[in-house]
Amino acid sequence: MNNTLKKLVASENKRFLTLILIFFISLVLSALVYFITGQSSNATIDYEIISKMKYIDILIIIIKRNIIYFIAIILLTCIGQNKIINALFCFTSIYYGLSVIYLIRTVKMDMKYFMLTFTDYFILFPLLFYFTFISSSIAKYTKKAKNIETISHKFDIIVSSYIKISLIYLLIVVAYSLGYSYYILIISRLLVR
């Protein structure tokens, strides 16, 4: 991250707090959705089906799930749509909130589910959160700067630095997806024995 980008992101404390607020509101909405849709209904996971899948099939599912969010955020950042980024983060947080509620509810009955998903909560979501924060901060400036000729050079530096950081995050997510897919396959095969 170059100095201009570092200073820009470091100056966005309010945006960081806004994302934390969005996250907490999303968790409350997750609880409401869970309550309204019927908390008594339990979804079941067929570990045997997962264990019979090929590694490449699991990898494709995981890559699609993980990479689509990051690509959407990158595109929205480049066109300066920080409000849409916040909305997308809200929907993603609701999804994670629902899965955390399900995890807490089933952890006593189904430790297998926890074993399959805990890395998402402790590795992927923090990556997603911080990347969203960086992107939202940059989107605010790309929207303002793209129509002003006098700062176009600074704008180009910010965008090119952001693209480099985005590529690093994408590589991290792909590496995580490769490892996570292999982990799911091994765990699911151990669980059905």
N, C-alpha and C. Protein backbone atom coordinates (compact mmCIF):
# COMPACT_ATOMS: atom_id res chain seq x y z
N MET A 1 0.85 -1.16 0.00
CA MET A 1 0.00 0.00 0.00
C MET A 1 0.91 1.24 0.00
N ASN A 2 0.74 2.11 -0.98
CA ASN A 2 1.59 3.31 -1.01
C ASN A 2 1.13 4.32 0.03
N ASN A 3 1.98 5.36 0.26
CA ASN A 3 1.71 6.32 1.33
C ASN A 3 0.41 7.08 1.17
N THR A 4 0.09 7.46 -0.08
CA THR A 4 -1.16 8.20 -0.32
C THR A 4 -2.35 7.36 0.10
N LEU A 5 -2.34 6.10 -0.30
CA LEU A 5 -3.45 5.20 0.02
C LEU A 5 -3.50 4.92 1.52
N LYS A 6 -2.35 4.74 2.15
CA LYS A 6 -2.30 4.50 3.60
C LYS A 6 -2.91 5.67 4.37
N LYS A 7 -2.52 6.89 3.99
CA LYS A 7 -3.04 8.08 4.67
C LYS A 7 -4.54 8.21 4.46
N LEU A 8 -4.98 7.92 3.24
CA LEU A 8 -6.40 8.02 2.90
C LEU A 8 -7.21 7.04 3.74
N VAL A 9 -6.76 5.79 3.83
CA VAL A 9 -7.49 4.76 4.59
C VAL A 9 -7.41 5.06 6.09
N ALA A 10 -6.24 5.50 6.57
CA ALA A 10 -6.07 5.80 7.99
C ALA A 10 -6.94 6.96 8.46
N SER A 11 -7.29 7.85 7.55
CA SER A 11 -8.10 9.02 7.92
C SER A 11 -9.60 8.70 7.99
N GLU A 12 -9.97 7.48 7.71
CA GLU A 12 -11.39 7.13 7.61
C GLU A 12 -11.92 6.40 8.85
N ASN A 13 -11.66 6.95 10.04
CA ASN A 13 -12.14 6.33 11.28
C ASN A 13 -13.66 6.26 11.34
N LYS A 14 -14.32 7.30 10.86
CA LYS A 14 -15.80 7.32 10.87
C LYS A 14 -16.35 6.20 9.99
N ARG A 15 -15.71 5.97 8.86
CA ARG A 15 -16.17 4.92 7.94
C ARG A 15 -16.01 3.54 8.60
N PHE A 16 -14.93 3.36 9.34
CA PHE A 16 -14.70 2.10 10.05
C PHE A 16 -15.80 1.87 11.08
N LEU A 17 -16.12 2.92 11.84
CA LEU A 17 -17.19 2.82 12.83
C LEU A 17 -18.55 2.59 12.17
N THR A 18 -18.74 3.20 11.00
CA THR A 18 -19.99 2.99 10.24
C THR A 18 -20.14 1.53 9.85
N LEU A 19 -19.04 0.92 9.38
CA LEU A 19 -19.09 -0.50 9.00
C LEU A 19 -19.37 -1.38 10.22
N ILE A 20 -18.79 -1.04 11.36
CA ILE A 20 -19.07 -1.81 12.58
C ILE A 20 -20.54 -1.67 12.96
N LEU A 21 -21.09 -0.46 12.85
CA LEU A 21 -22.50 -0.24 13.13
C LEU A 21 -23.38 -1.04 12.17
N ILE A 22 -23.04 -1.01 10.88
CA ILE A 22 -23.78 -1.80 9.87
C ILE A 22 -23.73 -3.28 10.25
N PHE A 23 -22.56 -3.74 10.67
CA PHE A 23 -22.39 -5.14 11.06
C PHE A 23 -23.31 -5.50 12.22
N PHE A 24 -23.37 -4.66 13.26
CA PHE A 24 -24.23 -4.94 14.42
C PHE A 24 -25.71 -4.88 14.05
N ILE A 25 -26.09 -3.91 13.23
CA ILE A 25 -27.48 -3.83 12.76
C ILE A 25 -27.83 -5.08 11.96
N SER A 26 -26.89 -5.54 11.15
CA SER A 26 -27.11 -6.76 10.35
C SER A 26 -27.30 -7.97 11.24
N LEU A 27 -26.55 -8.04 12.34
CA LEU A 27 -26.71 -9.16 13.27
C LEU A 27 -28.10 -9.14 13.90
N VAL A 28 -28.59 -7.94 14.24
CA VAL A 28 -29.95 -7.81 14.79
C VAL A 28 -30.97 -8.24 13.74
N LEU A 29 -30.78 -7.80 12.50
CA LEU A 29 -31.67 -8.20 11.41
C LEU A 29 -31.63 -9.71 11.19
N SER A 30 -30.45 -10.30 11.33
CA SER A 30 -30.31 -11.76 11.20
C SER A 30 -31.16 -12.46 12.24
N ALA A 31 -31.09 -11.95 13.48
CA ALA A 31 -31.89 -12.55 14.56
C ALA A 31 -33.38 -12.42 14.27
N LEU A 32 -33.80 -11.26 13.74
CA LEU A 32 -35.21 -11.06 13.39
C LEU A 32 -35.64 -12.01 12.27
N VAL A 33 -34.80 -12.13 11.25
CA VAL A 33 -35.11 -13.04 10.13
C VAL A 33 -35.22 -14.47 10.65
N TYR A 34 -34.30 -14.85 11.52
CA TYR A 34 -34.30 -16.19 12.09
C TYR A 34 -35.57 -16.43 12.91
N PHE A 35 -35.96 -15.41 13.69
CA PHE A 35 -37.15 -15.52 14.53
C PHE A 35 -38.42 -15.61 13.67
N ILE A 36 -38.52 -14.75 12.63
CA ILE A 36 -39.71 -14.70 11.77
C ILE A 36 -39.86 -15.96 10.93
N THR A 37 -38.74 -16.48 10.40
CA THR A 37 -38.83 -17.64 9.51
C THR A 37 -39.01 -18.95 10.26
N GLY A 38 -38.95 -18.90 11.57
CA GLY A 38 -39.22 -20.11 12.34
C GLY A 38 -37.94 -20.75 12.84
N GLN A 39 -37.63 -20.43 14.10
CA GLN A 39 -36.39 -20.93 14.65
C GLN A 39 -36.41 -22.42 14.96
N SER A 40 -37.59 -23.01 14.92
CA SER A 40 -37.66 -24.43 15.26
C SER A 40 -37.22 -25.33 14.11
N SER A 41 -37.24 -24.79 12.88
CA SER A 41 -36.86 -25.62 11.74
C SER A 41 -35.34 -25.75 11.67
N ASN A 42 -34.87 -26.96 11.66
CA ASN A 42 -33.43 -27.22 11.60
C ASN A 42 -33.04 -27.73 10.23
N ALA A 43 -32.08 -27.07 9.62
CA ALA A 43 -31.54 -27.57 8.36
C ALA A 43 -30.53 -28.65 8.70
N THR A 44 -30.47 -29.66 7.86
CA THR A 44 -29.51 -30.72 8.09
C THR A 44 -28.50 -30.75 6.96
N ILE A 45 -27.30 -31.13 7.32
CA ILE A 45 -26.23 -31.20 6.33
C ILE A 45 -25.92 -32.67 6.11
N ASP A 46 -25.92 -33.07 4.85
CA ASP A 46 -25.60 -34.46 4.52
C ASP A 46 -24.09 -34.55 4.25
N TYR A 47 -23.37 -34.95 5.28
CA TYR A 47 -21.91 -35.02 5.19
C TYR A 47 -21.46 -36.11 4.22
N GLU A 48 -22.30 -37.12 4.05
CA GLU A 48 -21.95 -38.21 3.13
C GLU A 48 -21.88 -37.71 1.68
N ILE A 49 -22.83 -36.85 1.31
CA ILE A 49 -22.82 -36.28 -0.05
C ILE A 49 -21.56 -35.45 -0.26
N ILE A 50 -21.20 -34.65 0.74
CA ILE A 50 -19.99 -33.82 0.62
C ILE A 50 -18.76 -34.72 0.48
N SER A 51 -18.71 -35.79 1.26
CA SER A 51 -17.54 -36.67 1.23
C SER A 51 -17.37 -37.38 -0.11
N LYS A 52 -18.48 -37.52 -0.86
CA LYS A 52 -18.40 -38.20 -2.17
C LYS A 52 -18.10 -37.24 -3.32
N MET A 53 -18.13 -35.95 -3.03
CA MET A 53 -17.84 -34.97 -4.08
C MET A 53 -16.36 -34.97 -4.42
N LYS A 54 -16.05 -34.57 -5.65
CA LYS A 54 -14.66 -34.42 -6.06
C LYS A 54 -14.14 -33.09 -5.53
N TYR A 55 -12.83 -33.05 -5.33
CA TYR A 55 -12.19 -31.83 -4.82
C TYR A 55 -12.49 -30.63 -5.72
N ILE A 56 -12.42 -30.82 -7.01
CA ILE A 56 -12.63 -29.71 -7.96
C ILE A 56 -14.05 -29.15 -7.86
N ASP A 57 -15.04 -30.04 -7.61
CA ASP A 57 -16.43 -29.58 -7.47
C ASP A 57 -16.60 -28.71 -6.21
N ILE A 58 -15.99 -29.16 -5.11
CA ILE A 58 -16.04 -28.38 -3.87
C ILE A 58 -15.33 -27.04 -4.08
N LEU A 59 -14.17 -27.09 -4.73
CA LEU A 59 -13.38 -25.87 -4.97
C LEU A 59 -14.17 -24.85 -5.79
N ILE A 60 -14.85 -25.30 -6.83
CA ILE A 60 -15.63 -24.39 -7.68
C ILE A 60 -16.74 -23.71 -6.86
N ILE A 61 -17.42 -24.49 -6.02
CA ILE A 61 -18.48 -23.92 -5.18
C ILE A 61 -17.91 -22.89 -4.21
N ILE A 62 -16.80 -23.22 -3.57
CA ILE A 62 -16.19 -22.33 -2.57
C ILE A 62 -15.63 -21.07 -3.24
N ILE A 63 -14.96 -21.24 -4.38
CA ILE A 63 -14.39 -20.08 -5.10
C ILE A 63 -15.51 -19.13 -5.51
N LYS A 64 -16.58 -19.67 -6.08
CA LYS A 64 -17.72 -18.82 -6.49
C LYS A 64 -18.26 -18.06 -5.29
N ARG A 65 -18.45 -18.77 -4.20
CA ARG A 65 -19.01 -18.15 -2.99
C ARG A 65 -18.10 -17.05 -2.46
N ASN A 66 -16.82 -17.28 -2.45
CA ASN A 66 -15.89 -16.33 -1.84
C ASN A 66 -15.49 -15.19 -2.77
N ILE A 67 -15.31 -15.47 -4.04
CA ILE A 67 -14.71 -14.49 -4.94
C ILE A 67 -15.72 -13.47 -5.49
N ILE A 68 -16.98 -13.86 -5.63
CA ILE A 68 -17.98 -12.97 -6.22
C ILE A 68 -18.11 -11.68 -5.41
N TYR A 69 -18.12 -11.79 -4.09
CA TYR A 69 -18.23 -10.60 -3.24
C TYR A 69 -17.07 -9.65 -3.49
N PHE A 70 -15.86 -10.19 -3.50
CA PHE A 70 -14.66 -9.35 -3.66
C PHE A 70 -14.63 -8.67 -5.03
N ILE A 71 -15.00 -9.40 -6.06
CA ILE A 71 -15.02 -8.81 -7.41
C ILE A 71 -16.07 -7.69 -7.49
N ALA A 72 -17.24 -7.94 -6.92
CA ALA A 72 -18.29 -6.92 -6.92
C ALA A 72 -17.83 -5.66 -6.18
N ILE A 73 -17.17 -5.84 -5.05
CA ILE A 73 -16.67 -4.70 -4.27
C ILE A 73 -15.62 -3.93 -5.06
N ILE A 74 -14.72 -4.63 -5.73
CA ILE A 74 -13.68 -3.97 -6.53
C ILE A 74 -14.32 -3.11 -7.62
N LEU A 75 -15.28 -3.68 -8.34
CA LEU A 75 -15.95 -2.93 -9.42
C LEU A 75 -16.70 -1.71 -8.88
N LEU A 76 -17.40 -1.90 -7.76
CA LEU A 76 -18.14 -0.79 -7.16
C LEU A 76 -17.21 0.30 -6.65
N THR A 77 -16.05 -0.08 -6.17
CA THR A 77 -15.06 0.89 -5.70
C THR A 77 -14.53 1.72 -6.86
N CYS A 78 -14.23 1.06 -7.96
CA CYS A 78 -13.67 1.76 -9.12
C CYS A 78 -14.65 2.78 -9.71
N ILE A 79 -15.95 2.53 -9.54
CA ILE A 79 -16.93 3.50 -10.05
C ILE A 79 -17.47 4.42 -8.94
N GLY A 80 -16.93 4.27 -7.72
CA GLY A 80 -17.25 5.20 -6.63
C GLY A 80 -18.61 5.01 -6.00
N GLN A 81 -19.05 3.78 -5.82
CA GLN A 81 -20.37 3.51 -5.25
C GLN A 81 -20.27 3.02 -3.81
N ASN A 82 -19.86 3.90 -2.89
CA ASN A 82 -19.66 3.46 -1.51
C ASN A 82 -20.97 3.11 -0.80
N LYS A 83 -22.09 3.70 -1.18
CA LYS A 83 -23.37 3.36 -0.55
C LYS A 83 -23.80 1.94 -0.93
N ILE A 84 -23.57 1.57 -2.18
CA ILE A 84 -23.91 0.21 -2.61
C ILE A 84 -22.97 -0.79 -1.94
N ILE A 85 -21.71 -0.40 -1.74
CA ILE A 85 -20.75 -1.25 -1.02
C ILE A 85 -21.27 -1.51 0.39
N ASN A 86 -21.74 -0.45 1.06
CA ASN A 86 -22.28 -0.61 2.41
C ASN A 86 -23.51 -1.52 2.42
N ALA A 87 -24.37 -1.38 1.42
CA ALA A 87 -25.57 -2.23 1.33
C ALA A 87 -25.18 -3.69 1.10
N LEU A 88 -24.21 -3.91 0.23
CA LEU A 88 -23.74 -5.27 -0.04
C LEU A 88 -23.11 -5.88 1.20
N PHE A 89 -22.36 -5.07 1.94
CA PHE A 89 -21.76 -5.55 3.19
C PHE A 89 -22.87 -5.90 4.19
N CYS A 90 -23.92 -5.10 4.23
CA CYS A 90 -25.05 -5.36 5.13
C CYS A 90 -25.69 -6.71 4.82
N PHE A 91 -25.97 -6.97 3.54
CA PHE A 91 -26.58 -8.26 3.15
C PHE A 91 -25.65 -9.43 3.46
N THR A 92 -24.36 -9.24 3.23
CA THR A 92 -23.39 -10.30 3.52
C THR A 92 -23.31 -10.55 5.02
N SER A 93 -23.37 -9.48 5.81
CA SER A 93 -23.33 -9.62 7.27
C SER A 93 -24.58 -10.32 7.79
N ILE A 94 -25.73 -10.06 7.16
CA ILE A 94 -26.96 -10.76 7.55
C ILE A 94 -26.80 -12.26 7.30
N TYR A 95 -26.22 -12.60 6.16
CA TYR A 95 -25.97 -14.01 5.84
C TYR A 95 -25.05 -14.64 6.89
N TYR A 96 -23.94 -13.95 7.20
CA TYR A 96 -23.02 -14.46 8.22
C TYR A 96 -23.70 -14.52 9.59
N GLY A 97 -24.53 -13.52 9.89
CA GLY A 97 -25.25 -13.52 11.16
C GLY A 97 -26.16 -14.72 11.29
N LEU A 98 -26.89 -15.03 10.22
CA LEU A 98 -27.77 -16.20 10.24
C LEU A 98 -26.97 -17.49 10.42
N SER A 99 -25.83 -17.57 9.73
CA SER A 99 -25.04 -18.79 9.87
C SER A 99 -24.42 -18.90 11.26
N VAL A 100 -24.09 -17.75 11.89
CA VAL A 100 -23.57 -17.79 13.27
C VAL A 100 -24.68 -18.23 14.23
N ILE A 101 -25.90 -17.73 14.03
CA ILE A 101 -27.03 -18.15 14.87
C ILE A 101 -27.24 -19.66 14.73
N TYR A 102 -27.21 -20.14 13.50
CA TYR A 102 -27.37 -21.58 13.28
C TYR A 102 -26.23 -22.33 13.95
N LEU A 103 -25.02 -21.80 13.83
CA LEU A 103 -23.85 -22.44 14.45
C LEU A 103 -24.00 -22.53 15.96
N ILE A 104 -24.39 -21.43 16.60
CA ILE A 104 -24.56 -21.41 18.06
C ILE A 104 -25.66 -22.37 18.48
N ARG A 105 -26.72 -22.40 17.70
CA ARG A 105 -27.85 -23.28 18.03
C ARG A 105 -27.49 -24.75 17.91
N THR A 106 -26.67 -25.07 16.92
CA THR A 106 -26.40 -26.48 16.66
C THR A 106 -25.07 -26.98 17.23
N VAL A 107 -24.26 -26.10 17.78
CA VAL A 107 -22.92 -26.53 18.21
C VAL A 107 -22.98 -27.63 19.27
N LYS A 108 -23.98 -27.61 20.14
CA LYS A 108 -24.12 -28.66 21.15
C LYS A 108 -24.56 -29.97 20.50
N MET A 109 -25.43 -29.87 19.50
CA MET A 109 -25.96 -31.08 18.87
C MET A 109 -25.11 -31.54 17.69
N ASP A 110 -24.45 -30.59 17.02
CA ASP A 110 -23.75 -30.91 15.78
C ASP A 110 -22.39 -30.23 15.73
N MET A 111 -21.43 -30.83 16.42
CA MET A 111 -20.08 -30.28 16.45
C MET A 111 -19.45 -30.35 15.05
N LYS A 112 -19.96 -31.22 14.20
CA LYS A 112 -19.44 -31.36 12.84
C LYS A 112 -19.60 -30.06 12.05
N TYR A 113 -20.74 -29.41 12.22
CA TYR A 113 -21.00 -28.16 11.50
C TYR A 113 -19.98 -27.10 11.89
N PHE A 114 -19.68 -27.04 13.20
CA PHE A 114 -18.67 -26.09 13.67
C PHE A 114 -17.31 -26.39 13.04
N MET A 115 -16.96 -27.66 12.97
CA MET A 115 -15.66 -28.05 12.38
C MET A 115 -15.56 -27.64 10.92
N LEU A 116 -16.68 -27.67 10.21
CA LEU A 116 -16.66 -27.32 8.78
C LEU A 116 -16.66 -25.81 8.53
N THR A 117 -17.17 -25.03 9.46
CA THR A 117 -17.38 -23.60 9.16
C THR A 117 -16.57 -22.60 9.98
N PHE A 118 -15.89 -23.06 11.02
CA PHE A 118 -15.26 -22.07 11.91
C PHE A 118 -14.21 -21.20 11.20
N THR A 119 -13.54 -21.72 10.18
CA THR A 119 -12.53 -20.91 9.48
C THR A 119 -13.16 -19.72 8.74
N ASP A 120 -14.38 -19.88 8.29
CA ASP A 120 -15.08 -18.76 7.64
C ASP A 120 -15.25 -17.59 8.59
N TYR A 121 -15.57 -17.88 9.84
CA TYR A 121 -15.82 -16.82 10.81
C TYR A 121 -14.54 -16.15 11.30
N PHE A 122 -13.47 -16.94 11.39
CA PHE A 122 -12.23 -16.41 11.99
C PHE A 122 -11.17 -16.00 10.97
N ILE A 123 -11.32 -16.42 9.72
CA ILE A 123 -10.34 -16.05 8.69
C ILE A 123 -11.00 -15.23 7.58
N LEU A 124 -12.02 -15.80 6.93
CA LEU A 124 -12.61 -15.15 5.76
C LEU A 124 -13.35 -13.86 6.12
N PHE A 125 -14.19 -13.89 7.15
CA PHE A 125 -14.98 -12.71 7.44
C PHE A 125 -14.13 -11.51 7.86
N PRO A 126 -13.09 -11.68 8.71
CA PRO A 126 -12.22 -10.51 8.99
C PRO A 126 -11.55 -9.95 7.73
N LEU A 127 -11.13 -10.83 6.82
CA LEU A 127 -10.58 -10.37 5.53
C LEU A 127 -11.62 -9.56 4.76
N LEU A 128 -12.81 -10.12 4.70
CA LEU A 128 -13.91 -9.47 3.98
C LEU A 128 -14.23 -8.11 4.61
N PHE A 129 -14.26 -8.06 5.93
CA PHE A 129 -14.58 -6.81 6.64
C PHE A 129 -13.53 -5.74 6.33
N TYR A 130 -12.25 -6.07 6.47
CA TYR A 130 -11.21 -5.06 6.26
C TYR A 130 -11.12 -4.64 4.80
N PHE A 131 -11.31 -5.59 3.90
CA PHE A 131 -11.29 -5.24 2.48
C PHE A 131 -12.46 -4.31 2.14
N THR A 132 -13.61 -4.55 2.75
CA THR A 132 -14.77 -3.68 2.54
C THR A 132 -14.48 -2.28 3.07
N PHE A 133 -13.82 -2.20 4.20
CA PHE A 133 -13.44 -0.90 4.78
C PHE A 133 -12.51 -0.14 3.83
N ILE A 134 -11.47 -0.80 3.35
CA ILE A 134 -10.54 -0.15 2.41
C ILE A 134 -11.30 0.31 1.16
N SER A 135 -12.11 -0.58 0.61
CA SER A 135 -12.84 -0.29 -0.63
C SER A 135 -13.83 0.85 -0.46
N SER A 136 -14.54 0.84 0.67
CA SER A 136 -15.51 1.90 0.93
C SER A 136 -14.80 3.25 1.06
N SER A 137 -13.65 3.26 1.71
CA SER A 137 -12.86 4.49 1.85
C SER A 137 -12.40 5.01 0.50
N ILE A 138 -11.91 4.12 -0.35
CA ILE A 138 -11.42 4.50 -1.67
C ILE A 138 -12.58 4.94 -2.57
N ALA A 139 -13.72 4.26 -2.47
CA ALA A 139 -14.88 4.58 -3.31
C ALA A 139 -15.35 6.02 -3.10
N LYS A 140 -15.25 6.49 -1.87
CA LYS A 140 -15.64 7.87 -1.56
C LYS A 140 -14.81 8.85 -2.39
N TYR A 141 -13.52 8.57 -2.51
CA TYR A 141 -12.63 9.46 -3.24
C TYR A 141 -12.67 9.26 -4.75
N THR A 142 -12.91 8.03 -5.20
CA THR A 142 -12.99 7.81 -6.65
C THR A 142 -14.20 8.51 -7.23
N LYS A 143 -15.29 8.54 -6.46
CA LYS A 143 -16.48 9.22 -6.93
C LYS A 143 -16.23 10.72 -7.07
N LYS A 144 -15.53 11.31 -6.09
CA LYS A 144 -15.25 12.75 -6.13
C LYS A 144 -14.21 13.10 -7.18
N ALA A 145 -13.18 12.28 -7.31
CA ALA A 145 -12.00 12.65 -8.10
C ALA A 145 -12.11 12.33 -9.59
N LYS A 146 -12.97 11.41 -9.98
CA LYS A 146 -12.93 10.98 -11.37
C LYS A 146 -13.35 12.06 -12.37
N ASN A 147 -14.07 13.07 -11.91
CA ASN A 147 -14.51 14.13 -12.83
C ASN A 147 -13.66 15.41 -12.74
N ILE A 148 -12.64 15.38 -11.92
CA ILE A 148 -11.83 16.59 -11.75
C ILE A 148 -10.46 16.37 -12.39
N GLU A 149 -10.17 17.13 -13.41
CA GLU A 149 -8.93 16.95 -14.15
C GLU A 149 -7.69 17.27 -13.34
N THR A 150 -7.77 18.27 -12.48
CA THR A 150 -6.58 18.73 -11.76
C THR A 150 -6.00 17.69 -10.83
N ILE A 151 -6.83 16.77 -10.34
CA ILE A 151 -6.30 15.75 -9.45
C ILE A 151 -6.34 14.36 -10.08
N SER A 152 -6.40 14.34 -11.40
CA SER A 152 -6.49 13.05 -12.08
C SER A 152 -5.25 12.19 -11.86
N HIS A 153 -4.08 12.82 -11.74
CA HIS A 153 -2.85 12.06 -11.50
C HIS A 153 -2.90 11.37 -10.13
N LYS A 154 -3.34 12.11 -9.11
CA LYS A 154 -3.49 11.55 -7.77
C LYS A 154 -4.54 10.44 -7.78
N PHE A 155 -5.60 10.68 -8.50
CA PHE A 155 -6.66 9.68 -8.65
C PHE A 155 -6.12 8.40 -9.26
N ASP A 156 -5.29 8.53 -10.31
CA ASP A 156 -4.69 7.36 -10.96
C ASP A 156 -3.79 6.59 -10.00
N ILE A 157 -3.04 7.32 -9.18
CA ILE A 157 -2.17 6.67 -8.20
C ILE A 157 -3.02 5.88 -7.19
N ILE A 158 -4.08 6.50 -6.71
CA ILE A 158 -4.96 5.84 -5.73
C ILE A 158 -5.60 4.59 -6.33
N VAL A 159 -6.14 4.72 -7.53
CA VAL A 159 -6.81 3.58 -8.17
C VAL A 159 -5.82 2.46 -8.49
N SER A 160 -4.65 2.81 -9.01
CA SER A 160 -3.67 1.76 -9.34
C SER A 160 -3.19 1.05 -8.07
N SER A 161 -3.01 1.79 -6.98
CA SER A 161 -2.63 1.17 -5.70
C SER A 161 -3.75 0.28 -5.18
N TYR A 162 -4.97 0.76 -5.32
CA TYR A 162 -6.12 -0.04 -4.88
C TYR A 162 -6.23 -1.34 -5.67
N ILE A 163 -6.01 -1.26 -6.98
CA ILE A 163 -6.07 -2.46 -7.82
C ILE A 163 -5.01 -3.47 -7.38
N LYS A 164 -3.81 -2.98 -7.06
CA LYS A 164 -2.74 -3.88 -6.58
C LYS A 164 -3.14 -4.56 -5.28
N ILE A 165 -3.69 -3.78 -4.35
CA ILE A 165 -4.15 -4.35 -3.08
C ILE A 165 -5.27 -5.36 -3.32
N SER A 166 -6.18 -5.02 -4.23
CA SER A 166 -7.30 -5.91 -4.55
C SER A 166 -6.81 -7.25 -5.09
N LEU A 167 -5.80 -7.19 -5.94
CA LEU A 167 -5.23 -8.43 -6.49
C LEU A 167 -4.61 -9.28 -5.38
N ILE A 168 -3.96 -8.62 -4.42
CA ILE A 168 -3.38 -9.36 -3.29
C ILE A 168 -4.50 -10.03 -2.48
N TYR A 169 -5.57 -9.28 -2.21
CA TYR A 169 -6.71 -9.85 -1.47
C TYR A 169 -7.34 -11.01 -2.25
N LEU A 170 -7.49 -10.85 -3.56
CA LEU A 170 -8.05 -11.93 -4.38
C LEU A 170 -7.18 -13.17 -4.31
N LEU A 171 -5.86 -12.99 -4.37
CA LEU A 171 -4.94 -14.14 -4.25
C LEU A 171 -5.07 -14.81 -2.89
N ILE A 172 -5.20 -14.01 -1.84
CA ILE A 172 -5.38 -14.57 -0.49
C ILE A 172 -6.67 -15.38 -0.42
N VAL A 173 -7.74 -14.82 -1.00
CA VAL A 173 -9.04 -15.52 -0.97
C VAL A 173 -8.99 -16.80 -1.80
N VAL A 174 -8.31 -16.77 -2.94
CA VAL A 174 -8.16 -17.98 -3.75
C VAL A 174 -7.36 -19.03 -2.98
N ALA A 175 -6.26 -18.60 -2.33
CA ALA A 175 -5.45 -19.53 -1.53
C ALA A 175 -6.27 -20.10 -0.38
N TYR A 176 -7.05 -19.24 0.28
CA TYR A 176 -7.93 -19.71 1.35
C TYR A 176 -8.93 -20.73 0.81
N SER A 177 -9.51 -20.44 -0.35
CA SER A 177 -10.50 -21.34 -0.96
C SER A 177 -9.89 -22.70 -1.31
N LEU A 178 -8.66 -22.69 -1.82
CA LEU A 178 -7.96 -23.95 -2.14
C LEU A 178 -7.78 -24.79 -0.87
N GLY A 179 -7.27 -24.14 0.19
CA GLY A 179 -7.06 -24.86 1.45
C GLY A 179 -8.36 -25.28 2.11
N TYR A 180 -9.35 -24.39 2.09
CA TYR A 180 -10.64 -24.67 2.74
C TYR A 180 -11.37 -25.81 2.03
N SER A 181 -11.32 -25.86 0.72
CA SER A 181 -11.96 -26.94 -0.04
C SER A 181 -11.34 -28.29 0.32
N TYR A 182 -10.03 -28.31 0.42
CA TYR A 182 -9.32 -29.54 0.79
C TYR A 182 -9.68 -29.94 2.22
N TYR A 183 -9.75 -28.95 3.11
CA TYR A 183 -10.12 -29.18 4.51
C TYR A 183 -11.52 -29.77 4.61
N ILE A 184 -12.48 -29.19 3.87
CA ILE A 184 -13.87 -29.69 3.89
C ILE A 184 -13.92 -31.15 3.43
N LEU A 185 -13.20 -31.44 2.37
CA LEU A 185 -13.20 -32.80 1.82
C LEU A 185 -12.66 -33.80 2.85
N ILE A 186 -11.54 -33.46 3.48
CA ILE A 186 -10.94 -34.36 4.47
C ILE A 186 -11.85 -34.54 5.68
N ILE A 187 -12.35 -33.41 6.22
CA ILE A 187 -13.22 -33.49 7.41
C ILE A 187 -14.49 -34.28 7.12
N SER A 188 -15.14 -34.00 5.98
CA SER A 188 -16.39 -34.70 5.67
C SER A 188 -16.16 -36.20 5.50
N ARG A 189 -15.02 -36.58 4.93
CA ARG A 189 -14.71 -38.02 4.80
C ARG A 189 -14.43 -38.66 6.14
N LEU A 190 -13.79 -37.92 7.04
CA LEU A 190 -13.57 -38.44 8.39
C LEU A 190 -14.86 -38.57 9.18
N LEU A 191 -15.80 -37.64 8.93
CA LEU A 191 -17.06 -37.63 9.68
C LEU A 191 -18.01 -38.75 9.30
N VAL A 192 -17.91 -39.26 8.07
CA VAL A 192 -18.85 -40.32 7.65
C VAL A 192 -18.32 -41.72 7.92
N ARG A 193 -17.13 -41.82 8.45
CA ARG A 193 -16.59 -43.15 8.76
C ARG A 193 -17.25 -43.71 9.99
